[in-house]
Amino acid sequence: MNKPMRITRELQVKGLLHSDPIVRNSFLYMLGEQRYSGIDATRAALTAVEQWGIRNAFRYPLGITDLALDDHCFDWVLEQLEFASGEEEEGIKLRYGGWLAEAPLALLESRWERFSRLMKEDGTETFEKAASQILLRAQSRLDLQGLSQEALWEQLDRTIERCVDEDEFSEMEMSVLENCCDMLAANGRGDAELQARVREWLAYDFNKEDEVEAESDLGYWRVEAAIRLAGLAGIKEMVPRLLELFVHDWEWLNGEIWRALVLMADLDVLRTIADTYLEQPWATRLYLSEAFSNLWIEGMDELIYPLLAKEEKRDILICNLGMALARYGSRASMEAAAEICNEDPYDPERVSILEMLYSQYMVSDPQHSDVEEWKKRIEAREARRAAQEEEMLNLFSKARDTTETKTQKNPRKEPSVRIVAPRDTPKIGRNDPCPCGSGKKYKKCCLI
């Protein structure tokens, strides 16, 4: 098996970070993960961001927000966010804010006033909602700190019961549920009660028809908690059951299973996934292929090749597996990823794989025959994207100017009384049929 290429010369990497924007945009996490470890990785990453901009930290899924935080790094991120302003910076604030919300509790508690003030700043509706959820999760972590395992189980049980009783989905209750699971899983596989509950809750039969509504809801929420606990505690024996649960094809359930598999993944877990991958329906393979593309585990490339050979060639599943091989970084895996890109040179998903390949080869083999061609294709896509964005901005600008001109010619008087438009459709209850027409109840379909 070809061993993955490793970065061994710090100056070579730093030189590339300065010289080439494509490498710069995609290589930050590799610098942090492969060249340094622990808090040194974070400091190296932040130094790179200082040199070439905060935006480039989020080009790929395996980003800097997975790295550890200490006092210095926490304060550095806070300072960057305090200077970030305007709608264009909101995405950066949310990504970094979410990172800080998961910091060690001692760091978060000592800087809570400064952090919460930052996340409460005015912005777009989307930003304010997302920032509010980040604060809810962080506040819940602080509220739960110091509780015993027994008290955490009691809190988790009460939270699940409240989720069952709630008519509306509660972000706060969800934050408490997730944080209880996080703290309970800190003891991992050694916690006998955790092991027993995960097995019991994951055994719930979704097809029972003789249960009353409350008992049914209780089972669903317990399954969600058990999936999270299994992932966080690394209970690999539950992987076959997690794969079985994909059969229900509920978005909320699929997302939880995907996250759990990524959290507990090692080569054995990936081997179990690979053994059943080709038997799974397309929607399940979509989640599983994305799990591969978000991981780096030595030897995983050998599991991907057989899966890749049997997938349809024009499919996002191919792109996910191709990205996994490109990121893996062995000579064989990168050549296989390059073949995927060459099958459809104009597919935007495959150009994303090219960006990763370009970064890898610029470090390992900058004289590779395809490097310059890849760079041209990447730059051409960026130019097309920029032109499309400019065209859309011009269209919106013209439409706004036309509207303002008409308004000036025909000004309307504002009503003295605020008029509230009547609701066109009745409010949808959690137990009502879902309006999407799936035949399921709203709470089991589009609510979550």
Protein backbone atom coordinates (compact mmCIF):
# COMPACT_ATOMS: atom_id res chain seq x y z
CA MET A 1 0.00 0.00 0.00
CA ASN A 2 1.27 3.47 -0.82
CA LYS A 3 1.87 5.40 2.37
CA PRO A 4 0.29 8.88 2.57
CA MET A 5 2.71 11.70 1.85
CA ARG A 6 3.61 13.76 4.89
CA ILE A 7 4.79 17.33 5.23
CA THR A 8 8.25 17.35 6.76
CA ARG A 9 9.69 20.72 5.81
CA GLU A 10 8.03 23.63 7.58
CA LEU A 11 9.68 26.27 5.40
CA GLN A 12 8.44 24.60 2.23
CA VAL A 13 4.86 24.67 3.51
CA LYS A 14 5.04 28.25 4.72
CA GLY A 15 6.54 29.36 1.43
CA LEU A 16 3.64 27.81 -0.49
CA LEU A 17 1.12 29.42 1.83
CA HIS A 18 2.49 32.80 0.89
CA SER A 19 3.02 32.21 -2.81
CA ASP A 20 -0.10 30.49 -4.13
CA PRO A 21 -3.67 31.48 -3.23
CA ILE A 22 -5.15 28.08 -4.10
CA VAL A 23 -2.74 26.23 -1.86
CA ARG A 24 -3.21 28.95 0.74
CA ASN A 25 -6.97 28.51 0.75
CA SER A 26 -6.98 24.76 1.16
CA PHE A 27 -3.84 23.90 3.09
CA LEU A 28 -4.35 25.46 6.49
CA TYR A 29 -5.69 22.41 8.27
CA MET A 30 -3.03 20.16 6.80
CA LEU A 31 -0.42 22.51 8.18
CA GLY A 32 -2.08 22.30 11.58
CA GLU A 33 -2.83 18.58 11.57
CA GLN A 34 0.22 17.07 9.92
CA ARG A 35 3.05 19.32 11.02
CA TYR A 36 2.03 20.18 14.57
CA SER A 37 -0.06 18.67 17.36
CA GLY A 38 -2.19 19.92 20.25
CA ILE A 39 -2.28 23.62 20.95
CA ASP A 40 0.83 24.11 18.78
CA ALA A 41 -1.33 23.24 15.78
CA THR A 42 -3.79 26.00 16.68
CA ARG A 43 -1.05 28.57 17.15
CA ALA A 44 0.48 27.66 13.79
CA ALA A 45 -2.92 27.95 12.12
CA LEU A 46 -3.67 31.33 13.67
CA THR A 47 -0.25 32.62 12.67
CA ALA A 48 -1.03 31.65 9.09
CA VAL A 49 -4.42 33.39 9.28
CA GLU A 50 -2.73 36.57 10.53
CA GLN A 51 -0.50 36.51 7.48
CA TRP A 52 -3.08 35.90 4.76
CA GLY A 53 -6.56 36.56 6.08
CA ILE A 54 -9.25 35.13 8.28
CA ARG A 55 -11.60 34.13 5.45
CA ASN A 56 -9.37 31.38 4.07
CA ALA A 57 -9.69 29.22 7.17
CA PHE A 58 -12.99 27.76 5.99
CA ARG A 59 -12.34 26.57 2.47
CA TYR A 60 -12.78 22.89 3.30
CA PRO A 61 -14.73 20.86 5.89
CA LEU A 62 -11.67 19.81 7.90
CA GLY A 63 -11.04 23.33 9.11
CA ILE A 64 -9.30 25.14 11.90
CA THR A 65 -12.38 25.05 14.15
CA ASP A 66 -11.56 21.41 14.99
CA LEU A 67 -8.35 22.48 16.73
CA ALA A 68 -7.77 22.96 20.48
CA LEU A 69 -8.05 26.29 22.30
CA ASP A 70 -6.12 27.84 25.18
CA ASP A 71 -6.27 31.33 26.74
CA HIS A 72 -4.11 32.96 24.08
CA CYS A 73 -5.95 31.39 21.13
CA PHE A 74 -9.40 32.07 22.59
CA ASP A 75 -8.53 35.74 23.10
CA TRP A 76 -7.03 35.98 19.61
CA VAL A 77 -10.23 34.69 18.01
CA LEU A 78 -12.38 37.03 20.11
CA GLU A 79 -10.28 39.97 19.01
CA GLN A 80 -10.64 39.03 15.34
CA LEU A 81 -14.42 38.77 15.71
CA GLU A 82 -14.67 42.14 17.43
CA PHE A 83 -13.11 43.74 14.37
CA ALA A 84 -15.32 41.79 11.93
CA SER A 85 -18.32 43.83 10.86
CA GLY A 86 -20.94 43.92 8.11
CA GLU A 87 -23.02 41.27 6.44
CA GLU A 88 -20.06 39.77 4.56
CA GLU A 89 -18.34 38.90 7.83
CA GLU A 90 -21.36 37.24 9.46
CA GLY A 91 -20.47 33.77 8.23
CA ILE A 92 -17.00 34.12 9.73
CA LYS A 93 -18.47 35.26 13.04
CA LEU A 94 -20.77 32.27 13.20
CA ARG A 95 -18.04 29.75 12.38
CA TYR A 96 -15.57 31.16 14.88
CA GLY A 97 -18.34 31.80 17.41
CA GLY A 98 -19.38 28.16 17.22
CA TRP A 99 -15.75 27.18 17.81
CA LEU A 100 -15.51 29.33 20.93
CA ALA A 101 -18.83 27.99 22.24
CA GLU A 102 -17.24 24.50 22.34
CA ALA A 103 -14.09 25.68 24.15
CA PRO A 104 -13.09 24.32 27.58
CA LEU A 105 -15.62 25.60 30.12
CA ALA A 106 -13.04 27.50 32.16
CA LEU A 107 -12.12 29.58 29.11
CA LEU A 108 -15.72 30.16 28.14
CA GLU A 109 -16.89 31.10 31.63
CA SER A 110 -14.14 33.63 32.26
CA ARG A 111 -14.89 35.40 28.95
CA TRP A 112 -18.65 34.94 28.87
CA GLU A 113 -19.63 38.60 29.00
CA ARG A 114 -17.34 39.54 26.13
CA PHE A 115 -18.31 36.51 24.04
CA SER A 116 -22.07 36.84 24.59
CA ARG A 117 -22.00 40.58 23.81
CA LEU A 118 -20.28 39.80 20.51
CA MET A 119 -22.84 37.16 19.50
CA LYS A 120 -25.76 39.44 20.41
CA GLU A 121 -24.74 42.16 17.97
CA ASP A 122 -27.31 43.25 15.40
CA GLY A 123 -27.18 41.66 11.96
CA THR A 124 -29.30 39.94 9.38
CA GLU A 125 -32.17 37.77 10.55
CA THR A 126 -30.24 34.64 9.60
CA PHE A 127 -27.20 35.73 11.59
CA GLU A 128 -29.18 36.69 14.68
CA LYS A 129 -31.02 33.36 14.74
CA ALA A 130 -27.85 31.30 14.31
CA ALA A 131 -25.92 33.40 16.85
CA SER A 132 -28.77 32.96 19.33
CA GLN A 133 -28.54 29.18 18.95
CA ILE A 134 -24.77 29.28 19.53
CA LEU A 135 -25.33 31.25 22.74
CA LEU A 136 -28.04 28.84 23.90
CA ARG A 137 -25.69 25.92 23.49
CA ALA A 138 -22.82 27.66 25.25
CA GLN A 139 -25.04 28.79 28.14
CA SER A 140 -26.37 25.26 28.53
CA ARG A 141 -22.81 23.90 28.80
CA LEU A 142 -22.05 26.37 31.57
CA ASP A 143 -25.28 25.53 33.43
CA LEU A 144 -24.53 21.79 33.37
CA GLN A 145 -20.89 21.93 34.44
CA GLY A 146 -20.07 20.24 37.72
CA LEU A 147 -23.08 17.92 37.73
CA SER A 148 -22.52 14.28 38.66
CA GLN A 149 -23.24 11.48 36.20
CA GLU A 150 -26.44 10.68 38.11
CA ALA A 151 -27.58 14.30 37.96
CA LEU A 152 -26.78 14.47 34.25
CA TRP A 153 -28.91 11.38 33.55
CA GLU A 154 -31.76 12.95 35.50
CA GLN A 155 -31.38 16.17 33.52
CA LEU A 156 -31.31 14.24 30.23
CA ASP A 157 -34.48 12.32 31.16
CA ARG A 158 -36.30 15.54 32.11
CA THR A 159 -35.16 17.23 28.88
CA ILE A 160 -36.42 14.36 26.74
CA GLU A 161 -39.78 14.49 28.54
CA ARG A 162 -40.01 18.23 27.87
CA CYS A 163 -39.21 17.64 24.20
CA VAL A 164 -42.13 15.18 24.09
CA ASP A 165 -44.50 17.67 25.74
CA GLU A 166 -43.48 20.70 23.68
CA ASP A 167 -45.88 21.76 20.90
CA GLU A 168 -43.07 23.70 19.19
CA PHE A 169 -39.53 22.51 18.56
CA SER A 170 -37.28 24.09 21.20
CA GLU A 171 -33.70 25.00 20.33
CA MET A 172 -32.94 25.40 24.03
CA GLU A 173 -34.12 21.89 24.90
CA MET A 174 -32.11 20.50 22.00
CA SER A 175 -29.00 22.27 23.26
CA VAL A 176 -29.49 20.84 26.75
CA LEU A 177 -30.04 17.35 25.35
CA GLU A 178 -26.87 17.50 23.24
CA ASN A 179 -24.78 18.95 26.07
CA CYS A 180 -25.99 16.32 28.54
CA CYS A 181 -24.90 13.65 26.06
CA ASP A 182 -21.51 15.33 25.59
CA MET A 183 -20.82 15.39 29.31
CA LEU A 184 -22.14 11.89 29.97
CA ALA A 185 -19.93 10.51 27.20
CA ALA A 186 -16.83 11.99 28.81
CA ASN A 187 -16.51 8.73 30.78
CA GLY A 188 -16.87 6.81 27.54
CA ARG A 189 -16.95 3.05 27.37
CA GLY A 190 -16.25 2.63 31.07
CA ASP A 191 -19.70 3.93 32.04
CA ALA A 192 -21.91 0.85 32.47
CA GLU A 193 -25.16 2.83 32.59
CA LEU A 194 -24.28 4.65 29.38
CA GLN A 195 -23.63 1.33 27.64
CA ALA A 196 -26.91 -0.13 28.86
CA ARG A 197 -29.00 2.90 27.92
CA VAL A 198 -27.51 3.21 24.47
CA ARG A 199 -28.32 -0.44 23.72
CA GLU A 200 -31.83 -0.17 25.14
CA TRP A 201 -32.73 3.10 23.43
CA LEU A 202 -31.28 2.13 20.06
CA ALA A 203 -33.33 -1.08 20.11
CA TYR A 204 -36.54 0.94 19.88
CA ASP A 205 -38.90 -0.36 17.19
CA PHE A 206 -40.00 2.55 14.98
CA ASN A 207 -42.70 0.41 13.41
CA LYS A 208 -44.78 -0.13 16.54
CA GLU A 209 -48.36 0.86 15.94
CA ASP A 210 -49.86 0.05 19.34
CA GLU A 211 -48.11 2.85 21.26
CA VAL A 212 -49.81 6.03 22.39
CA GLU A 213 -48.42 9.25 20.93
CA ALA A 214 -46.37 10.26 23.98
CA GLU A 215 -44.66 6.86 24.21
CA SER A 216 -43.85 7.01 20.52
CA ASP A 217 -42.31 10.47 20.85
CA LEU A 218 -40.33 9.34 23.88
CA GLY A 219 -38.82 6.54 21.80
CA TYR A 220 -37.79 8.91 19.00
CA TRP A 221 -36.04 11.37 21.31
CA ARG A 222 -34.28 8.57 23.17
CA VAL A 223 -32.99 7.19 19.88
CA GLU A 224 -31.60 10.61 19.02
CA ALA A 225 -29.81 10.83 22.38
CA ALA A 226 -28.52 7.25 22.06
CA ILE A 227 -27.07 7.89 18.59
CA ARG A 228 -25.20 10.89 19.90
CA LEU A 229 -23.95 9.01 22.97
CA ALA A 230 -22.79 6.07 20.85
CA GLY A 231 -20.75 8.38 18.62
CA LEU A 232 -19.23 10.43 21.40
CA ALA A 233 -18.37 7.40 23.55
CA GLY A 234 -17.07 5.44 20.55
CA ILE A 235 -19.34 2.42 21.05
CA LYS A 236 -18.36 0.69 17.82
CA GLU A 237 -20.58 -2.33 18.49
CA MET A 238 -23.53 -0.10 17.65
CA VAL A 239 -22.35 0.65 14.09
CA PRO A 240 -24.48 -2.13 12.47
CA ARG A 241 -27.57 -0.83 14.28
CA LEU A 242 -26.81 2.74 13.21
CA LEU A 243 -26.56 1.60 9.61
CA GLU A 244 -29.92 -0.19 9.95
CA LEU A 245 -31.56 3.05 11.11
CA PHE A 246 -30.84 4.69 7.75
CA VAL A 247 -33.77 2.67 6.38
CA HIS A 248 -36.23 5.20 7.85
CA ASP A 249 -34.77 7.94 5.64
CA TRP A 250 -35.59 10.82 7.98
CA GLU A 251 -33.31 13.79 7.52
CA TRP A 252 -32.90 14.52 11.24
CA LEU A 253 -32.12 10.86 11.97
CA ASN A 254 -29.71 10.51 9.04
CA GLY A 255 -27.79 13.60 10.13
CA GLU A 256 -27.36 12.28 13.67
CA ILE A 257 -26.19 8.88 12.40
CA TRP A 258 -23.69 10.52 10.03
CA ARG A 259 -22.20 12.62 12.84
CA ALA A 260 -21.96 9.61 15.16
CA LEU A 261 -20.16 7.52 12.54
CA VAL A 262 -17.65 10.30 11.89
CA LEU A 263 -17.03 10.75 15.62
CA MET A 264 -16.31 7.07 16.31
CA ALA A 265 -14.62 6.27 13.02
CA ASP A 266 -11.49 4.19 12.87
CA LEU A 267 -10.42 1.66 10.26
CA ASP A 268 -12.64 -1.06 11.76
CA VAL A 269 -15.70 1.20 11.66
CA LEU A 270 -14.96 2.20 8.06
CA ARG A 271 -14.52 -1.47 7.15
CA THR A 272 -17.98 -2.22 8.58
CA ILE A 273 -19.43 0.67 6.57
CA ALA A 274 -17.67 -0.47 3.40
CA ASP A 275 -18.97 -4.04 3.79
CA THR A 276 -22.59 -2.89 3.50
CA TYR A 277 -22.10 0.28 1.43
CA LEU A 278 -23.01 -1.11 -1.99
CA GLU A 279 -26.18 -2.72 -0.61
CA GLN A 280 -27.47 0.60 0.72
CA PRO A 281 -29.92 2.85 -1.16
CA TRP A 282 -28.58 5.96 -2.88
CA ALA A 283 -29.63 8.34 -0.10
CA THR A 284 -27.77 6.29 2.53
CA ARG A 285 -24.67 6.05 0.35
CA LEU A 286 -24.72 9.83 0.06
CA TYR A 287 -24.27 10.19 3.82
CA LEU A 288 -21.71 7.39 4.01
CA SER A 289 -19.61 8.69 1.12
CA GLU A 290 -19.59 12.12 2.76
CA ALA A 291 -18.35 10.49 5.96
CA PHE A 292 -15.35 9.13 4.03
CA SER A 293 -14.68 12.59 2.58
CA ASN A 294 -14.58 14.12 6.06
CA LEU A 295 -12.06 11.67 7.52
CA TRP A 296 -8.37 10.85 7.29
CA ILE A 297 -7.57 7.36 8.59
CA GLU A 298 -4.54 5.43 7.42
CA GLY A 299 -5.57 2.56 5.17
CA MET A 300 -9.00 3.94 4.31
CA ASP A 301 -8.02 4.38 0.65
CA GLU A 302 -7.98 0.60 0.18
CA LEU A 303 -11.59 0.49 1.30
CA ILE A 304 -12.66 3.24 -1.11
CA TYR A 305 -11.29 1.81 -4.38
CA PRO A 306 -13.78 -1.12 -4.62
CA LEU A 307 -16.69 1.19 -3.76
CA LEU A 308 -15.61 3.69 -6.38
CA ALA A 309 -15.36 1.05 -9.10
CA LYS A 310 -19.05 0.16 -8.75
CA GLU A 311 -20.58 3.63 -8.44
CA GLU A 312 -22.15 5.41 -11.38
CA LYS A 313 -19.67 7.79 -13.00
CA ARG A 314 -21.79 10.97 -13.06
CA ASP A 315 -22.87 11.13 -9.48
CA ILE A 316 -22.16 13.19 -6.36
CA LEU A 317 -21.24 9.93 -4.61
CA ILE A 318 -18.26 9.62 -6.95
CA CYS A 319 -17.24 13.18 -6.07
CA ASN A 320 -17.44 12.50 -2.32
CA LEU A 321 -15.29 9.39 -2.64
CA GLY A 322 -12.95 11.23 -4.99
CA MET A 323 -12.49 14.04 -2.46
CA ALA A 324 -11.69 11.44 0.20
CA LEU A 325 -8.96 9.99 -2.03
CA ALA A 326 -7.59 13.41 -2.95
CA ARG A 327 -7.39 14.40 0.69
CA TYR A 328 -5.83 11.07 1.67
CA GLY A 329 -2.75 12.07 -0.25
CA SER A 330 -1.02 8.87 -1.36
CA ARG A 331 0.26 8.66 -4.92
CA ALA A 332 -2.29 6.00 -5.87
CA SER A 333 -5.22 7.77 -4.20
CA MET A 334 -4.43 11.08 -5.89
CA GLU A 335 -4.09 9.45 -9.30
CA ALA A 336 -7.51 7.83 -8.82
CA ALA A 337 -8.98 11.18 -7.81
CA ALA A 338 -7.46 12.82 -10.89
CA GLU A 339 -9.13 10.22 -13.12
CA ILE A 340 -12.49 11.15 -11.60
CA CYS A 341 -11.88 14.82 -12.38
CA ASN A 342 -10.88 14.09 -15.96
CA GLU A 343 -14.11 12.15 -16.62
CA ASP A 344 -16.09 15.40 -16.48
CA PRO A 345 -13.78 18.44 -16.55
CA TYR A 346 -16.64 20.95 -16.25
CA ASP A 347 -18.43 19.42 -13.26
CA PRO A 348 -18.09 22.01 -10.42
CA GLU A 349 -17.96 19.26 -7.80
CA ARG A 350 -14.97 17.72 -9.55
CA VAL A 351 -13.18 21.05 -9.80
CA SER A 352 -13.36 21.13 -5.99
CA ILE A 353 -11.44 17.85 -5.99
CA LEU A 354 -8.90 19.46 -8.32
CA GLU A 355 -8.29 22.21 -5.77
CA MET A 356 -7.36 19.59 -3.20
CA LEU A 357 -5.18 17.71 -5.68
CA TYR A 358 -3.43 20.90 -6.71
CA SER A 359 -2.63 21.68 -3.08
CA GLN A 360 -1.31 18.16 -2.46
CA TYR A 361 0.92 18.09 -5.54
CA MET A 362 2.30 21.59 -4.98
CA VAL A 363 3.78 20.25 -1.75
CA SER A 364 4.69 16.72 -2.82
CA ASP A 365 5.40 16.99 -6.55
CA PRO A 366 5.10 20.52 -7.99
CA GLN A 367 6.54 19.36 -11.34
CA HIS A 368 3.66 16.94 -11.92
CA SER A 369 2.53 17.16 -15.54
CA ASP A 370 -1.08 18.11 -14.75
CA VAL A 371 -0.46 20.81 -12.15
CA GLU A 372 -0.55 23.77 -14.53
CA GLU A 373 -3.64 22.48 -16.35
CA TRP A 374 -5.45 22.02 -13.02
CA LYS A 375 -4.57 25.53 -11.97
CA LYS A 376 -6.02 26.93 -15.23
CA ARG A 377 -9.28 25.02 -14.71
CA ILE A 378 -9.57 26.18 -11.12
CA GLU A 379 -8.92 29.80 -12.08
CA ALA A 380 -11.41 29.55 -14.97
CA ARG A 381 -14.11 28.37 -12.60
CA GLU A 382 -13.36 31.18 -10.17
CA ALA A 383 -13.53 33.69 -13.03
CA ARG A 384 -16.92 32.32 -14.15
CA ARG A 385 -18.23 32.44 -10.59
CA ALA A 386 -17.06 36.03 -10.14
CA ALA A 387 -18.68 37.05 -13.44
CA GLN A 388 -21.97 35.42 -12.44
CA GLU A 389 -21.92 37.15 -9.06
CA GLU A 390 -21.24 40.51 -10.72
CA GLU A 391 -24.08 39.92 -13.20
CA MET A 392 -26.51 39.12 -10.40
CA LEU A 393 -25.45 42.20 -8.46
CA ASN A 394 -26.02 44.36 -11.53
CA LEU A 395 -29.49 42.86 -12.03
CA PHE A 396 -30.45 43.51 -8.42
CA SER A 397 -29.04 47.03 -8.63
CA LYS A 398 -31.11 47.82 -11.74
CA ALA A 399 -34.25 46.37 -10.16
CA ARG A 400 -33.72 48.45 -7.02
CA ASP A 401 -33.14 51.63 -9.04
CA THR A 402 -36.33 51.02 -11.04
CA THR A 403 -38.35 50.44 -7.87
CA GLU A 404 -37.00 53.59 -6.21
CA THR A 405 -37.83 55.69 -9.31
CA LYS A 406 -41.42 54.43 -9.38
CA THR A 407 -41.78 55.09 -5.67
CA GLN A 408 -40.57 58.67 -6.07
CA LYS A 409 -43.11 59.29 -8.84
CA ASN A 410 -46.00 57.65 -6.96
CA PRO A 411 -45.30 58.01 -3.24
CA ARG A 412 -47.64 56.04 -1.00
CA LYS A 413 -48.89 57.34 2.31
CA GLU A 414 -48.09 55.14 5.25
CA PRO A 415 -51.21 53.89 7.08
CA SER A 416 -51.68 55.37 10.51
CA VAL A 417 -52.69 51.98 11.90
CA ARG A 418 -50.48 48.92 11.61
CA ILE A 419 -52.20 46.33 9.45
CA VAL A 420 -51.54 42.65 10.16
CA ALA A 421 -52.18 40.35 7.23
CA PRO A 422 -54.44 37.44 8.08
CA ARG A 423 -52.96 33.95 8.06
CA ASP A 424 -53.71 32.30 4.69
CA THR A 425 -53.37 28.78 6.04
CA PRO A 426 -54.03 27.26 9.46
CA LYS A 427 -51.12 26.71 11.83
CA ILE A 428 -49.61 23.23 11.47
CA GLY A 429 -49.47 21.24 14.70
CA ARG A 430 -46.72 18.74 15.45
CA ASN A 431 -49.15 15.82 15.12
CA ASP A 432 -50.91 17.08 11.97
CA PRO A 433 -50.21 15.47 8.57
CA CYS A 434 -47.11 17.00 7.01
CA PRO A 435 -48.01 19.52 4.27
CA CYS A 436 -45.32 18.08 1.99
CA GLY A 437 -47.64 15.16 1.27
CA SER A 438 -45.38 12.40 2.62
CA GLY A 439 -48.22 10.90 4.70
CA LYS A 440 -46.13 11.22 7.88
CA LYS A 441 -46.88 13.46 10.83
CA TYR A 442 -45.33 16.92 10.69
CA LYS A 443 -43.02 16.25 13.65
CA LYS A 444 -41.67 13.11 11.99
CA CYS A 445 -41.07 14.71 8.63
CA CYS A 446 -40.40 18.38 7.88
CA LEU A 447 -40.56 19.87 11.40
CA ILE A 448 -37.03 18.81 12.31
